[in-house]
């Protein structure tokens, strides 16, 4: 019975994804708009998104998520807290080719995709340095979900060096036009305006007494729309 329920749920998700993509294609965008993403998020999670999108000369998404849950289900140091990954999956229901960067022990049953990590013992799809993404066919992916070490101390806990965020973003320029990068950190990574549009920031609070993080969202340019980026 449980297996049947999972199959039914998977089919329902597929139908919803197909409908969202058809709507986006009908509008000639090939991807969901931010109002559509917010609606999809609220439908999937059954709660307010606490996100605001302002259109105009400088379109911008902003908001704050208060999780009240700092537990890391995987038990892996630095793993995603609470339902963070479910929130990202709900916000990007149209993405089919996901790359988890600095993947650690990410639960790909929540947001299916390939993994990239420098630690071979974690058995990632790509065991490479994220600053180069050497040998990774980035042009195949439409969403990169990134969760780097936030500090030198965190990097020590992982047994790695602290990556230079700007170098990783430069490497991710290999993503195709329209692809998104979701970057969870305590600071905003540097990116080139000619390559990425910085579309929004979401504050993330897990609970009192714990780190406050920010979710930065970038979109890979199509080569013509970088005049209205944020500084």
C-alpha atoms as a PDB file:
ATOM      1  CA  UNK A   1       0.000   0.000   0.000  1.00  0.00           C
ATOM      2  CA  UNK A   2       2.808   2.385   0.894  1.00  0.00           C
ATOM      3  CA  UNK A   3       4.542   1.733  -2.437  1.00  0.00           C
ATOM      4  CA  UNK A   4       1.282   2.457  -4.270  1.00  0.00           C
ATOM      5  CA  UNK A   5       0.880   5.748  -2.397  1.00  0.00           C
ATOM      6  CA  UNK A   6       4.421   6.783  -3.377  1.00  0.00           C
ATOM      7  CA  UNK A   7       3.764   5.979  -7.022  1.00  0.00           C
ATOM      8  CA  UNK A   8       0.507   7.968  -6.944  1.00  0.00           C
ATOM      9  CA  UNK A   9       2.263  10.929  -5.330  1.00  0.00           C
ATOM     10  CA  UNK A  10       5.090  10.799  -7.888  1.00  0.00           C
ATOM     11  CA  UNK A  11       2.562  10.820 -10.752  1.00  0.00           C
ATOM     12  CA  UNK A  12       0.718  13.765  -9.201  1.00  0.00           C
ATOM     13  CA  UNK A  13       3.988  15.719  -8.893  1.00  0.00           C
ATOM     14  CA  UNK A  14       4.817  14.939 -12.525  1.00  0.00           C
ATOM     15  CA  UNK A  15       1.391  16.162 -13.696  1.00  0.00           C
ATOM     16  CA  UNK A  16       1.823  19.379 -11.681  1.00  0.00           C
ATOM     17  CA  UNK A  17       5.299  19.962 -13.108  1.00  0.00           C
ATOM     18  CA  UNK A  18       4.033  19.422 -16.652  1.00  0.00           C
ATOM     19  CA  UNK A  19       1.191  21.891 -16.073  1.00  0.00           C
ATOM     20  CA  UNK A  20       3.568  24.537 -14.698  1.00  0.00           C
ATOM     21  CA  UNK A  21       5.947  24.134 -17.604  1.00  0.00           C
ATOM     22  CA  UNK A  22       3.090  24.307 -20.108  1.00  0.00           C
ATOM     23  CA  UNK A  23       1.915  27.549 -18.507  1.00  0.00           C
ATOM     24  CA  UNK A  24       5.398  29.026 -18.701  1.00  0.00           C
ATOM     25  CA  UNK A  25       5.787  27.971 -22.343  1.00  0.00           C
ATOM     26  CA  UNK A  26       2.391  29.453 -23.206  1.00  0.00           C
ATOM     27  CA  UNK A  27       3.614  32.788 -21.878  1.00  0.00           C
ATOM     28  CA  UNK A  28       6.749  32.508 -23.988  1.00  0.00           C
ATOM     29  CA  UNK A  29       9.116  32.609 -21.029  1.00  0.00           C
ATOM     30  CA  UNK A  30      10.222  28.969 -20.832  1.00  0.00           C
ATOM     31  CA  UNK A  31      10.402  29.343 -17.068  1.00  0.00           C
ATOM     32  CA  UNK A  32       8.058  30.321 -14.252  1.00  0.00           C
ATOM     33  CA  UNK A  33       7.732  33.937 -13.191  1.00  0.00           C
ATOM     34  CA  UNK A  34       8.355  34.814  -9.544  1.00  0.00           C
ATOM     35  CA  UNK A  35       4.632  35.330  -8.808  1.00  0.00           C
ATOM     36  CA  UNK A  36       4.043  31.843 -10.251  1.00  0.00           C
ATOM     37  CA  UNK A  37       6.835  30.422  -8.092  1.00  0.00           C
ATOM     38  CA  UNK A  38       5.371  31.980  -4.969  1.00  0.00           C
ATOM     39  CA  UNK A  39       1.953  30.540  -5.819  1.00  0.00           C
ATOM     40  CA  UNK A  40       3.478  27.105  -6.468  1.00  0.00           C
ATOM     41  CA  UNK A  41       5.341  27.274  -3.138  1.00  0.00           C
ATOM     42  CA  UNK A  42       2.187  28.075  -1.183  1.00  0.00           C
ATOM     43  CA  UNK A  43       0.223  25.349  -2.972  1.00  0.00           C
ATOM     44  CA  UNK A  44       2.907  22.748  -2.284  1.00  0.00           C
ATOM     45  CA  UNK A  45       3.651  23.676   1.352  1.00  0.00           C
ATOM     46  CA  UNK A  46       0.118  24.698   2.338  1.00  0.00           C
ATOM     47  CA  UNK A  47       1.353  27.858   4.056  1.00  0.00           C
ATOM     48  CA  UNK A  48       2.238  31.479   3.197  1.00  0.00           C
ATOM     49  CA  UNK A  49       5.536  31.947   1.382  1.00  0.00           C
ATOM     50  CA  UNK A  50       6.418  35.151   3.275  1.00  0.00           C
ATOM     51  CA  UNK A  51       7.991  36.342   0.026  1.00  0.00           C
ATOM     52  CA  UNK A  52       7.382  39.544  -1.900  1.00  0.00           C
ATOM     53  CA  UNK A  53       8.214  40.220  -5.514  1.00  0.00           C
ATOM     54  CA  UNK A  54       8.428  43.756  -6.862  1.00  0.00           C
ATOM     55  CA  UNK A  55       8.404  44.233 -10.613  1.00  0.00           C
ATOM     56  CA  UNK A  56       9.593  47.261 -12.547  1.00  0.00           C
ATOM     57  CA  UNK A  57      12.973  48.720 -13.476  1.00  0.00           C
ATOM     58  CA  UNK A  58      14.719  46.465 -10.956  1.00  0.00           C
ATOM     59  CA  UNK A  59      12.660  43.315 -10.325  1.00  0.00           C
ATOM     60  CA  UNK A  60      13.451  41.893  -6.889  1.00  0.00           C
ATOM     61  CA  UNK A  61      12.382  39.026  -4.636  1.00  0.00           C
ATOM     62  CA  UNK A  62      12.731  39.370  -0.874  1.00  0.00           C
ATOM     63  CA  UNK A  63      11.419  37.825   2.322  1.00  0.00           C
ATOM     64  CA  UNK A  64      12.264  35.914   5.487  1.00  0.00           C
ATOM     65  CA  UNK A  65      11.737  32.281   6.419  1.00  0.00           C
ATOM     66  CA  UNK A  66      11.482  31.430  10.122  1.00  0.00           C
ATOM     67  CA  UNK A  67      11.832  27.673  10.426  1.00  0.00           C
ATOM     68  CA  UNK A  68      11.769  27.158  14.209  1.00  0.00           C
ATOM     69  CA  UNK A  69      13.680  23.983  13.443  1.00  0.00           C
ATOM     70  CA  UNK A  70      17.462  23.748  13.391  1.00  0.00           C
ATOM     71  CA  UNK A  71      17.684  19.944  13.388  1.00  0.00           C
ATOM     72  CA  UNK A  72      19.856  18.390  10.676  1.00  0.00           C
ATOM     73  CA  UNK A  73      18.114  15.159   9.684  1.00  0.00           C
ATOM     74  CA  UNK A  74      21.194  13.643   8.036  1.00  0.00           C
ATOM     75  CA  UNK A  75      23.328  14.144  11.134  1.00  0.00           C
ATOM     76  CA  UNK A  76      26.056  15.453   8.839  1.00  0.00           C
ATOM     77  CA  UNK A  77      27.861  18.572  10.095  1.00  0.00           C
ATOM     78  CA  UNK A  78      26.585  21.557   8.140  1.00  0.00           C
ATOM     79  CA  UNK A  79      23.679  19.641   6.598  1.00  0.00           C
ATOM     80  CA  UNK A  80      20.518  21.494   5.614  1.00  0.00           C
ATOM     81  CA  UNK A  81      18.434  22.532   8.644  1.00  0.00           C
ATOM     82  CA  UNK A  82      14.803  21.563   9.055  1.00  0.00           C
ATOM     83  CA  UNK A  83      12.710  21.711   5.895  1.00  0.00           C
ATOM     84  CA  UNK A  84      15.006  24.039   3.951  1.00  0.00           C
ATOM     85  CA  UNK A  85      15.432  21.720   0.972  1.00  0.00           C
ATOM     86  CA  UNK A  86      11.670  21.106   0.776  1.00  0.00           C
ATOM     87  CA  UNK A  87      11.173  24.863   0.580  1.00  0.00           C
ATOM     88  CA  UNK A  88      13.614  25.170  -2.309  1.00  0.00           C
ATOM     89  CA  UNK A  89      11.949  22.261  -4.113  1.00  0.00           C
ATOM     90  CA  UNK A  90       8.560  23.960  -3.663  1.00  0.00           C
ATOM     91  CA  UNK A  91       9.904  27.270  -5.006  1.00  0.00           C
ATOM     92  CA  UNK A  92      11.416  25.678  -8.113  1.00  0.00           C
ATOM     93  CA  UNK A  93       8.916  22.962  -9.138  1.00  0.00           C
ATOM     94  CA  UNK A  94       9.765  23.374 -12.828  1.00  0.00           C
ATOM     95  CA  UNK A  95      13.444  22.484 -12.486  1.00  0.00           C
ATOM     96  CA  UNK A  96      14.257  19.003 -13.765  1.00  0.00           C
ATOM     97  CA  UNK A  97      18.074  18.950 -13.872  1.00  0.00           C
ATOM     98  CA  UNK A  98      19.450  19.860 -10.460  1.00  0.00           C
ATOM     99  CA  UNK A  99      23.078  19.998  -9.343  1.00  0.00           C
ATOM    100  CA  UNK A 100      23.789  20.016  -5.600  1.00  0.00           C
ATOM    101  CA  UNK A 101      27.080  21.879  -5.095  1.00  0.00           C
ATOM    102  CA  UNK A 102      28.973  21.276  -1.815  1.00  0.00           C
ATOM    103  CA  UNK A 103      26.483  18.444  -1.544  1.00  0.00           C
ATOM    104  CA  UNK A 104      27.709  16.667   1.593  1.00  0.00           C
ATOM    105  CA  UNK A 105      25.051  14.087   2.458  1.00  0.00           C
ATOM    106  CA  UNK A 106      22.130  15.899   0.826  1.00  0.00           C
ATOM    107  CA  UNK A 107      18.843  13.991   0.674  1.00  0.00           C
ATOM    108  CA  UNK A 108      18.209  13.750  -3.063  1.00  0.00           C
ATOM    109  CA  UNK A 109      14.847  12.096  -2.470  1.00  0.00           C
ATOM    110  CA  UNK A 110      13.573  15.582  -1.523  1.00  0.00           C
ATOM    111  CA  UNK A 111      15.121  17.383  -4.475  1.00  0.00           C
ATOM    112  CA  UNK A 112      16.413  14.821  -6.988  1.00  0.00           C
ATOM    113  CA  UNK A 113      19.627  15.654  -8.794  1.00  0.00           C
ATOM    114  CA  UNK A 114      23.340  15.050  -9.161  1.00  0.00           C
ATOM    115  CA  UNK A 115      25.900  15.899  -6.505  1.00  0.00           C
ATOM    116  CA  UNK A 116      29.233  17.720  -6.486  1.00  0.00           C
ATOM    117  CA  UNK A 117      31.655  17.570  -3.578  1.00  0.00           C
ATOM    118  CA  UNK A 118      35.416  17.494  -3.122  1.00  0.00           C
ATOM    119  CA  UNK A 119      35.245  14.631  -0.605  1.00  0.00           C
ATOM    120  CA  UNK A 120      35.453  11.274  -2.385  1.00  0.00           C
ATOM    121  CA  UNK A 121      34.187   9.310   0.632  1.00  0.00           C
ATOM    122  CA  UNK A 122      30.782  10.954   0.195  1.00  0.00           C
ATOM    123  CA  UNK A 123      30.556   9.363  -3.264  1.00  0.00           C
ATOM    124  CA  UNK A 124      29.319  12.431  -5.153  1.00  0.00           C
ATOM    125  CA  UNK A 125      28.406  12.287  -8.830  1.00  0.00           C
ATOM    126  CA  UNK A 126      31.307  14.673  -9.453  1.00  0.00           C
ATOM    127  CA  UNK A 127      34.265  14.627  -7.058  1.00  0.00           C
ATOM    128  CA  UNK A 128      35.822  17.948  -8.061  1.00  0.00           C
ATOM    129  CA  UNK A 129      36.682  21.371  -6.674  1.00  0.00           C
ATOM    130  CA  UNK A 130      33.635  23.648  -6.973  1.00  0.00           C
ATOM    131  CA  UNK A 131      35.928  26.573  -7.824  1.00  0.00           C
ATOM    132  CA  UNK A 132      36.613  24.966 -11.200  1.00  0.00           C
ATOM    133  CA  UNK A 133      33.812  22.409 -11.710  1.00  0.00           C
ATOM    134  CA  UNK A 134      36.338  20.662 -13.948  1.00  0.00           C
ATOM    135  CA  UNK A 135      34.709  18.052 -16.140  1.00  0.00           C
ATOM    136  CA  UNK A 136      31.171  18.852 -14.964  1.00  0.00           C
ATOM    137  CA  UNK A 137      28.711  19.267 -17.879  1.00  0.00           C
ATOM    138  CA  UNK A 138      27.112  22.374 -16.389  1.00  0.00           C
ATOM    139  CA  UNK A 139      25.167  23.101 -19.564  1.00  0.00           C
ATOM    140  CA  UNK A 140      22.910  20.137 -18.687  1.00  0.00           C
ATOM    141  CA  UNK A 141      21.580  21.677 -15.462  1.00  0.00           C
ATOM    142  CA  UNK A 142      18.863  24.256 -14.854  1.00  0.00           C
ATOM    143  CA  UNK A 143      19.332  24.659 -11.084  1.00  0.00           C
ATOM    144  CA  UNK A 144      22.453  24.680  -8.901  1.00  0.00           C
ATOM    145  CA  UNK A 145      21.770  24.482  -5.154  1.00  0.00           C
ATOM    146  CA  UNK A 146      24.850  25.559  -3.200  1.00  0.00           C
ATOM    147  CA  UNK A 147      25.661  25.282   0.515  1.00  0.00           C
ATOM    148  CA  UNK A 148      29.370  26.070   1.028  1.00  0.00           C
ATOM    149  CA  UNK A 149      31.268  26.171   4.343  1.00  0.00           C
ATOM    150  CA  UNK A 150      30.480  29.551   5.889  1.00  0.00           C
ATOM    151  CA  UNK A 151      33.799  30.103   7.683  1.00  0.00           C
ATOM    152  CA  UNK A 152      37.339  28.779   8.119  1.00  0.00           C
ATOM    153  CA  UNK A 153      36.167  26.881  11.201  1.00  0.00           C
ATOM    154  CA  UNK A 154      33.358  25.239   9.222  1.00  0.00           C
ATOM    155  CA  UNK A 155      35.826  24.262   6.516  1.00  0.00           C
ATOM    156  CA  UNK A 156      38.027  22.594   9.149  1.00  0.00           C
ATOM    157  CA  UNK A 157      35.001  20.589  10.327  1.00  0.00           C
ATOM    158  CA  UNK A 158      34.446  19.431   6.743  1.00  0.00           C
ATOM    159  CA  UNK A 159      38.126  18.630   6.286  1.00  0.00           C
ATOM    160  CA  UNK A 160      38.421  21.032   3.352  1.00  0.00           C
ATOM    161  CA  UNK A 161      39.649  24.545   2.656  1.00  0.00           C
ATOM    162  CA  UNK A 162      37.302  27.541   2.579  1.00  0.00           C
ATOM    163  CA  UNK A 163      36.212  28.050  -1.039  1.00  0.00           C
ATOM    164  CA  UNK A 164      36.346  31.444  -2.715  1.00  0.00           C
ATOM    165  CA  UNK A 165      32.696  32.096  -3.506  1.00  0.00           C
ATOM    166  CA  UNK A 166      33.441  34.368  -6.447  1.00  0.00           C
ATOM    167  CA  UNK A 167      35.477  31.644  -8.125  1.00  0.00           C
ATOM    168  CA  UNK A 168      32.642  29.153  -7.715  1.00  0.00           C
ATOM    169  CA  UNK A 169      30.173  31.609  -9.234  1.00  0.00           C
ATOM    170  CA  UNK A 170      32.585  32.181 -12.113  1.00  0.00           C
ATOM    171  CA  UNK A 171      32.725  28.425 -12.705  1.00  0.00           C
ATOM    172  CA  UNK A 172      28.920  28.248 -12.614  1.00  0.00           C
ATOM    173  CA  UNK A 173      28.818  30.591 -15.582  1.00  0.00           C
ATOM    174  CA  UNK A 174      28.903  27.327 -17.507  1.00  0.00           C
ATOM    175  CA  UNK A 175      25.195  26.910 -16.702  1.00  0.00           C
ATOM    176  CA  UNK A 176      22.784  27.588 -19.583  1.00  0.00           C
ATOM    177  CA  UNK A 177      20.747  30.788 -19.932  1.00  0.00           C
ATOM    178  CA  UNK A 178      17.726  30.748 -17.629  1.00  0.00           C
ATOM    179  CA  UNK A 179      19.323  28.416 -15.073  1.00  0.00           C
ATOM    180  CA  UNK A 180      19.171  29.494 -11.424  1.00  0.00           C
ATOM    181  CA  UNK A 181      21.735  29.371  -8.645  1.00  0.00           C
ATOM    182  CA  UNK A 182      20.458  29.184  -5.065  1.00  0.00           C
ATOM    183  CA  UNK A 183      23.277  30.025  -2.635  1.00  0.00           C
ATOM    184  CA  UNK A 184      22.867  29.497   1.133  1.00  0.00           C
ATOM    185  CA  UNK A 185      25.503  31.325   3.192  1.00  0.00           C
ATOM    186  CA  UNK A 186      26.109  34.052   5.755  1.00  0.00           C
ATOM    187  CA  UNK A 187      27.160  36.445   3.014  1.00  0.00           C
ATOM    188  CA  UNK A 188      26.369  37.185  -0.614  1.00  0.00           C
ATOM    189  CA  UNK A 189      28.805  35.697  -3.145  1.00  0.00           C
ATOM    190  CA  UNK A 190      30.366  37.948  -5.756  1.00  0.00           C
ATOM    191  CA  UNK A 191      29.138  37.410  -9.286  1.00  0.00           C
ATOM    192  CA  UNK A 192      29.636  39.094 -12.624  1.00  0.00           C
ATOM    193  CA  UNK A 193      26.701  41.182 -13.798  1.00  0.00           C
ATOM    194  CA  UNK A 194      27.375  40.203 -17.368  1.00  0.00           C
ATOM    195  CA  UNK A 195      26.774  36.561 -16.390  1.00  0.00           C
ATOM    196  CA  UNK A 196      24.146  36.558 -13.626  1.00  0.00           C
ATOM    197  CA  UNK A 197      21.108  38.570 -12.590  1.00  0.00           C
ATOM    198  CA  UNK A 198      20.859  38.763  -8.799  1.00  0.00           C
ATOM    199  CA  UNK A 199      17.123  38.184  -8.454  1.00  0.00           C
ATOM    200  CA  UNK A 200      16.574  38.128  -4.702  1.00  0.00           C
ATOM    201  CA  UNK A 201      17.523  37.465  -1.094  1.00  0.00           C
ATOM    202  CA  UNK A 202      15.604  35.448   1.501  1.00  0.00           C
ATOM    203  CA  UNK A 203      16.610  35.623   5.150  1.00  0.00           C
ATOM    204  CA  UNK A 204      16.685  32.243   6.929  1.00  0.00           C
ATOM    205  CA  UNK A 205      16.332  31.909  10.701  1.00  0.00           C
ATOM    206  CA  UNK A 206      16.254  28.381  12.088  1.00  0.00           C
ATOM    207  CA  UNK A 207      15.576  29.361  15.708  1.00  0.00           C
ATOM    208  CA  UNK A 208      16.734  31.728  18.486  1.00  0.00           C
ATOM    209  CA  UNK A 209      20.405  31.427  19.336  1.00  0.00           C
ATOM    210  CA  UNK A 210      21.374  29.961  15.976  1.00  0.00           C
ATOM    211  CA  UNK A 211      23.003  31.436  12.898  1.00  0.00           C
ATOM    212  CA  UNK A 212      21.040  33.705  10.611  1.00  0.00           C
ATOM    213  CA  UNK A 213      21.674  32.814   6.991  1.00  0.00           C
ATOM    214  CA  UNK A 214      20.729  34.297   3.653  1.00  0.00           C
ATOM    215  CA  UNK A 215      19.460  32.554   0.550  1.00  0.00           C
ATOM    216  CA  UNK A 216      20.734  34.391  -2.535  1.00  0.00           C
ATOM    217  CA  UNK A 217      19.062  33.648  -5.861  1.00  0.00           C
ATOM    218  CA  UNK A 218      20.779  34.279  -9.196  1.00  0.00           C
ATOM    219  CA  UNK A 219      19.641  33.650 -12.763  1.00  0.00           C
ATOM    220  CA  UNK A 220      22.022  32.974 -15.633  1.00  0.00           C
ATOM    221  CA  UNK A 221      21.671  35.686 -18.269  1.00  0.00           C
ATOM    222  CA  UNK A 222      20.577  35.113 -21.818  1.00  0.00           C
ATOM    223  CA  UNK A 223      23.168  37.696 -22.824  1.00  0.00           C
ATOM    224  CA  UNK A 224      20.730  40.590 -23.252  1.00  0.00           C
ATOM    225  CA  UNK A 225      19.103  41.384 -19.915  1.00  0.00           C
ATOM    226  CA  UNK A 226      21.887  42.405 -17.516  1.00  0.00           C
ATOM    227  CA  UNK A 227      21.255  46.156 -17.484  1.00  0.00           C
ATOM    228  CA  UNK A 228      18.933  46.065 -14.471  1.00  0.00           C
ATOM    229  CA  UNK A 229      20.981  43.975 -12.032  1.00  0.00           C
ATOM    230  CA  UNK A 230      21.376  44.883  -8.399  1.00  0.00           C
ATOM    231  CA  UNK A 231      24.768  46.071  -7.188  1.00  0.00           C
END
